[in-house]
Amino acid sequence: MATWWAAVRVTGLRRTRYRDLPATRLGHVFAATAINLIRIDRWLTGTPLGGTRTSRLEALMLAA
């Protein structure tokens, strides 16, 4: 969960309820903090993070 799409999926960063820049920035800081807390929790409990995706070509090569 190290990419921006994970942040969008977990915290809903694309939908901000604020119009001014300082409040939006604060929302992003809170979202980043939430993601880091999730990472720390998964690290402490030993829960594996999501694996990397395999492309369709790579899946075909693995199946052959």
C-alpha atoms as a PDB file:
ATOM      1  CA  MET A   1       0.000   0.000   0.000  1.00  0.00           C
ATOM      2  CA  ALA A   2       2.692   2.388  -0.974  1.00  0.00           C
ATOM      3  CA  THR A   3       1.213   4.192  -3.931  1.00  0.00           C
ATOM      4  CA  TRP A   4      -1.179   7.059  -4.415  1.00  0.00           C
ATOM      5  CA  TRP A   5      -4.046   4.810  -5.558  1.00  0.00           C
ATOM      6  CA  ALA A   6      -3.967   3.079  -2.195  1.00  0.00           C
ATOM      7  CA  ALA A   7      -4.315   6.433  -0.486  1.00  0.00           C
ATOM      8  CA  VAL A   8      -7.257   7.279  -2.703  1.00  0.00           C
ATOM      9  CA  ARG A   9      -8.900   3.917  -2.028  1.00  0.00           C
ATOM     10  CA  VAL A  10      -8.383   3.876   1.742  1.00  0.00           C
ATOM     11  CA  THR A  11      -8.976   7.516   2.619  1.00  0.00           C
ATOM     12  CA  GLY A  12     -10.975   8.928  -0.292  1.00  0.00           C
ATOM     13  CA  LEU A  13      -8.496  11.695  -1.096  1.00  0.00           C
ATOM     14  CA  ARG A  14     -10.186  12.682  -4.359  1.00  0.00           C
ATOM     15  CA  ARG A  15     -13.275  13.845  -2.514  1.00  0.00           C
ATOM     16  CA  THR A  16     -12.373  16.801  -0.362  1.00  0.00           C
ATOM     17  CA  ARG A  17     -15.032  18.737   1.448  1.00  0.00           C
ATOM     18  CA  TYR A  18     -12.966  21.917   1.654  1.00  0.00           C
ATOM     19  CA  ARG A  19     -12.417  24.607  -0.950  1.00  0.00           C
ATOM     20  CA  ASP A  20      -9.484  26.475   0.505  1.00  0.00           C
ATOM     21  CA  LEU A  21      -5.927  25.213   0.196  1.00  0.00           C
ATOM     22  CA  PRO A  22      -4.886  25.118   3.886  1.00  0.00           C
ATOM     23  CA  ALA A  23      -7.872  22.975   4.876  1.00  0.00           C
ATOM     24  CA  THR A  24      -7.311  20.644   1.919  1.00  0.00           C
ATOM     25  CA  ARG A  25      -3.653  20.300   2.866  1.00  0.00           C
ATOM     26  CA  LEU A  26      -4.638  19.460   6.424  1.00  0.00           C
ATOM     27  CA  GLY A  27      -6.965  16.772   5.072  1.00  0.00           C
ATOM     28  CA  HIS A  28      -4.081  15.281   3.088  1.00  0.00           C
ATOM     29  CA  VAL A  29      -1.853  15.315   6.172  1.00  0.00           C
ATOM     30  CA  PHE A  30      -4.535  13.454   8.126  1.00  0.00           C
ATOM     31  CA  ALA A  31      -4.894  10.936   5.289  1.00  0.00           C
ATOM     32  CA  ALA A  32      -1.128  10.335   5.194  1.00  0.00           C
ATOM     33  CA  THR A  33      -1.119   9.880   8.968  1.00  0.00           C
ATOM     34  CA  ALA A  34      -3.937   7.349   8.710  1.00  0.00           C
ATOM     35  CA  ILE A  35      -2.052   5.387   6.047  1.00  0.00           C
ATOM     36  CA  ASN A  36       1.084   5.351   8.206  1.00  0.00           C
ATOM     37  CA  LEU A  37      -0.918   4.114  11.210  1.00  0.00           C
ATOM     38  CA  ILE A  38      -2.331   1.299   9.071  1.00  0.00           C
ATOM     39  CA  ARG A  39       1.188   0.389   7.954  1.00  0.00           C
ATOM     40  CA  ILE A  40       2.494   0.386  11.539  1.00  0.00           C
ATOM     41  CA  ASP A  41      -0.419  -1.808  12.658  1.00  0.00           C
ATOM     42  CA  ARG A  42       0.211  -4.301   9.860  1.00  0.00           C
ATOM     43  CA  TRP A  43       3.927  -4.343  10.648  1.00  0.00           C
ATOM     44  CA  LEU A  44       3.378  -4.931  14.378  1.00  0.00           C
ATOM     45  CA  THR A  45       0.774  -7.664  13.883  1.00  0.00           C
ATOM     46  CA  GLY A  46       2.676  -9.351  11.068  1.00  0.00           C
ATOM     47  CA  THR A  47      -0.150  -8.976   8.583  1.00  0.00           C
ATOM     48  CA  PRO A  48       1.344  -8.993   5.090  1.00  0.00           C
ATOM     49  CA  LEU A  49       0.806  -5.969   2.925  1.00  0.00           C
ATOM     50  CA  GLY A  50      -0.899  -6.402  -0.415  1.00  0.00           C
ATOM     51  CA  GLY A  51       1.240  -8.104  -3.004  1.00  0.00           C
ATOM     52  CA  THR A  52       2.218  -6.581  -6.290  1.00  0.00           C
ATOM     53  CA  ARG A  53      -0.028  -7.103  -9.249  1.00  0.00           C
ATOM     54  CA  THR A  54       1.050  -9.246 -12.166  1.00  0.00           C
ATOM     55  CA  SER A  55       0.412  -8.073 -15.679  1.00  0.00           C
ATOM     56  CA  ARG A  56      -1.608 -10.189 -18.112  1.00  0.00           C
ATOM     57  CA  LEU A  57       1.507 -10.969 -20.112  1.00  0.00           C
ATOM     58  CA  GLU A  58       3.337 -12.131 -17.013  1.00  0.00           C
ATOM     59  CA  ALA A  59       0.353 -14.279 -15.994  1.00  0.00           C
ATOM     60  CA  LEU A  60       0.416 -15.900 -19.442  1.00  0.00           C
ATOM     61  CA  MET A  61       4.136 -16.534 -19.140  1.00  0.00           C
ATOM     62  CA  LEU A  62       3.669 -18.109 -15.702  1.00  0.00           C
ATOM     63  CA  ALA A  63       0.849 -20.316 -16.981  1.00  0.00           C
ATOM     64  CA  ALA A  64       2.954 -21.669 -19.834  1.00  0.00           C
END
